[in-house]
Amino acid sequence: MRSVMAAFALVAALAMAAPVSAQQPSRPVSGGDETTMLFAGGLTFLDWGETGVGAAANVLFNTLKVTGTGRIGIVADVGLNHFEGATVSTIMGGGRYTFTTSGKVVPYGQFLVGIVHCCGDTDFDPALGFGADIAWKPNLNFRGEVQFIFEDVNATRWFFGVSTPIKKK
C-alpha cells in the first residue's frame, strides 16, 4: 500500500512539472565528466514496514567508460530517514549507468553497496536503483528515483528532488 502511495506521489510530482514544459531546456544538465560532478538532493520516503520521511543526497563523480548507448560512472549516496522512535541512515557507493537520449528525460540505473545503520545495528548491504533526470531549468533538473535496499524485502526508498552540476576544482 505504501509503495502505491509513493508511486502516486511520483506521478503527481511529474504532473505538476508538466505546465512548465514551455520553459524547459531541450536537454537535462549533466555532470560526472572531466569538469563537473552532478549533485542531487531531495526528499525521501523509505518504506521499511512503515514509511519514514527524510533527506538524501548523491553525487555522480566521474565517467569511467562511454558506450554507444550511455556511460558508466562512479556515484556516492547518503540518506537519513526518520521513523517514530528510530532513524535509518545509509552511506553507499557504486556504479551508475546513464543512458544517452536526445530528449528532456535521461534515465539511469545504479548498483550501490554500503552501510545501513538503524537502532544500534549496522549492516553492509547492496541496493539497486533506477531514476531519471528531467530537464527543468537551464542549470537544474527534476529527479525522481526508486532504490531497493536488499536489507529487507520491504526496504524501498523513493527520492524526489533536483540535480545540478558542480564544477570540479
Protein backbone atom coordinates (compact mmCIF):
# COMPACT_ATOMS: atom_id res chain seq x y z
CA MET A 1 0.00 0.00 0.00
CA ARG A 2 2.77 2.44 0.91
CA SER A 3 4.59 1.70 -2.34
CA VAL A 4 1.40 2.51 -4.24
CA MET A 5 1.13 5.82 -2.35
CA ALA A 6 4.76 6.64 -3.17
CA ALA A 7 4.18 5.82 -6.86
CA PHE A 8 1.15 8.12 -6.83
CA ALA A 9 3.32 10.89 -5.32
CA LEU A 10 5.84 10.46 -8.16
CA VAL A 11 3.11 10.71 -10.81
CA ALA A 12 1.66 13.81 -9.08
CA ALA A 13 5.09 15.48 -8.95
CA LEU A 14 5.66 14.82 -12.65
CA ALA A 15 2.19 16.15 -13.48
CA MET A 16 2.89 19.37 -11.57
CA ALA A 17 6.10 19.83 -13.55
CA ALA A 18 4.27 19.47 -16.89
CA PRO A 19 2.90 23.06 -17.11
CA VAL A 20 6.44 24.49 -17.12
CA SER A 21 7.38 22.48 -20.20
CA ALA A 22 7.38 25.63 -22.34
CA GLN A 23 10.23 27.00 -20.17
CA GLN A 24 12.24 23.80 -20.09
CA PRO A 25 15.61 23.46 -21.77
CA SER A 26 15.80 20.85 -24.50
CA ARG A 27 18.19 18.57 -22.51
CA PRO A 28 18.81 17.91 -18.82
CA VAL A 29 22.04 19.34 -17.42
CA SER A 30 24.68 16.66 -16.95
CA GLY A 31 27.83 16.12 -14.93
CA GLY A 32 30.23 13.42 -13.90
CA ASP A 33 32.72 14.38 -16.58
CA GLU A 34 36.20 15.94 -16.58
CA THR A 35 34.97 19.36 -15.40
CA THR A 36 31.81 18.79 -13.33
CA MET A 37 30.12 16.49 -10.82
CA LEU A 38 26.34 16.05 -10.83
CA PHE A 39 24.93 16.71 -7.33
CA ALA A 40 21.38 15.75 -6.34
CA GLY A 41 19.46 16.42 -3.15
CA GLY A 42 15.89 15.95 -2.11
CA LEU A 43 13.11 14.47 -0.04
CA THR A 44 12.89 10.71 0.50
CA PHE A 45 10.26 8.29 1.67
CA LEU A 46 11.64 5.00 2.95
CA ASP A 47 9.20 2.10 3.18
CA TRP A 48 10.63 -0.29 5.79
CA GLY A 49 7.45 -1.90 7.09
CA GLU A 50 6.29 1.66 7.81
CA THR A 51 7.20 4.86 5.97
CA GLY A 52 9.95 7.15 7.22
CA VAL A 53 10.47 10.63 5.83
CA GLY A 54 13.92 12.04 5.30
CA ALA A 55 16.51 13.52 3.00
CA ALA A 56 19.17 12.13 0.70
CA ALA A 57 21.97 13.41 -1.48
CA ASN A 58 24.11 11.79 -4.13
CA VAL A 59 26.98 12.80 -6.36
CA LEU A 60 27.99 11.39 -9.75
CA PHE A 61 31.75 11.91 -9.65
CA ASN A 62 33.36 10.60 -12.79
CA THR A 63 32.69 8.81 -16.05
CA LEU A 64 34.68 5.58 -16.29
CA LYS A 65 33.55 4.45 -19.73
CA VAL A 66 31.43 5.82 -22.58
CA THR A 67 29.49 3.34 -24.74
CA GLY A 68 27.19 3.78 -27.73
CA THR A 69 24.10 3.85 -25.51
CA GLY A 70 25.37 5.65 -22.41
CA ARG A 71 28.13 5.97 -19.86
CA ILE A 72 29.26 4.28 -16.67
CA GLY A 73 30.19 6.49 -13.72
CA ILE A 74 31.02 6.43 -10.01
CA VAL A 75 28.30 7.58 -7.59
CA ALA A 76 28.08 8.12 -3.81
CA ASP A 77 24.78 8.29 -1.91
CA VAL A 78 23.86 9.32 1.66
CA GLY A 79 20.44 9.25 3.25
CA LEU A 80 18.62 9.77 6.57
CA ASN A 81 15.03 8.69 7.16
CA HIS A 82 13.21 9.19 10.44
CA PHE A 83 10.59 6.80 11.75
CA GLU A 84 8.69 7.01 15.03
CA GLY A 85 11.40 6.11 17.53
CA ALA A 86 14.18 5.34 15.02
CA THR A 87 16.35 6.81 12.26
CA VAL A 88 17.75 4.80 9.35
CA SER A 89 20.97 6.16 7.83
CA THR A 90 22.65 4.91 4.66
CA ILE A 91 26.09 5.59 3.19
CA MET A 92 26.66 3.85 -0.14
CA GLY A 93 28.78 3.98 -3.27
CA GLY A 94 28.92 2.18 -6.58
CA GLY A 95 28.31 2.45 -10.29
CA ARG A 96 25.67 4.25 -12.33
CA TYR A 97 24.79 3.67 -15.98
CA THR A 98 23.32 6.84 -17.51
CA PHE A 99 21.57 6.27 -20.83
CA THR A 100 22.20 8.55 -23.80
CA THR A 101 18.95 10.12 -25.01
CA SER A 102 18.07 13.06 -27.20
CA GLY A 103 15.05 14.23 -25.20
CA LYS A 104 14.23 16.03 -21.97
CA VAL A 105 14.42 12.83 -19.90
CA VAL A 106 17.67 10.99 -19.14
CA PRO A 107 17.14 7.66 -17.31
CA TYR A 108 19.77 5.81 -15.29
CA GLY A 109 20.26 2.63 -13.30
CA GLN A 110 22.68 2.13 -10.44
CA PHE A 111 24.06 -0.57 -8.17
CA LEU A 112 25.37 0.54 -4.78
CA VAL A 113 26.93 -1.15 -1.76
CA GLY A 114 27.45 0.34 1.68
CA ILE A 115 26.25 0.54 5.24
CA VAL A 116 22.73 0.76 6.60
CA HIS A 117 22.51 1.81 10.25
CA CYS A 118 19.45 1.72 12.49
CA CYS A 119 18.63 1.04 16.09
CA GLY A 120 22.21 0.25 17.17
CA ASP A 121 22.70 -2.22 14.31
CA THR A 122 24.93 -1.64 11.28
CA ASP A 123 24.78 -3.90 8.21
CA PHE A 124 26.70 -3.98 4.93
CA ASP A 125 24.08 -4.14 2.16
CA PRO A 126 23.68 -3.71 -1.59
CA ALA A 127 20.98 -1.59 -3.26
CA LEU A 128 19.61 -1.40 -6.79
CA GLY A 129 18.12 1.86 -8.06
CA PHE A 130 16.51 3.41 -11.12
CA GLY A 131 15.78 7.05 -11.82
CA ALA A 132 15.58 9.86 -14.32
CA ASP A 133 16.70 13.45 -14.64
CA ILE A 134 14.09 15.64 -16.33
CA ALA A 135 15.07 18.99 -17.86
CA TRP A 136 13.52 21.77 -15.77
CA LYS A 137 15.60 24.97 -15.67
CA PRO A 138 18.78 25.87 -17.58
CA ASN A 139 21.03 24.61 -14.74
CA LEU A 140 18.61 22.42 -12.75
CA ASN A 141 16.90 19.05 -13.34
CA PHE A 142 13.96 17.47 -11.56
CA ARG A 143 14.96 13.99 -10.38
CA GLY A 144 12.81 11.01 -9.41
CA GLU A 145 14.37 7.76 -8.21
CA VAL A 146 13.43 4.47 -6.60
CA GLN A 147 16.01 2.39 -4.74
CA PHE A 148 15.60 -1.15 -3.42
CA ILE A 149 17.80 -1.85 -0.39
CA PHE A 150 18.43 -5.58 -0.05
CA GLU A 151 18.50 -5.43 3.78
CA ASP A 152 14.77 -6.09 3.82
CA VAL A 153 12.20 -7.14 1.19
CA ASN A 154 10.14 -4.05 2.06
CA ALA A 155 13.07 -1.59 2.04
CA THR A 156 12.20 0.73 -0.83
CA ARG A 157 13.34 4.38 -0.92
CA TRP A 158 11.55 6.91 -3.13
CA PHE A 159 13.50 10.09 -3.91
CA PHE A 160 12.08 13.38 -5.25
CA GLY A 161 14.46 16.26 -5.74
CA VAL A 162 16.73 18.22 -8.04
CA SER A 163 20.15 17.71 -9.62
CA THR A 164 22.66 20.31 -10.72
CA PRO A 165 26.27 20.31 -11.94
CA ILE A 166 29.07 21.42 -9.59
CA LYS A 167 32.43 22.45 -11.05
CA LYS A 168 35.46 20.41 -10.06
CA LYS A 169 38.43 22.38 -8.76
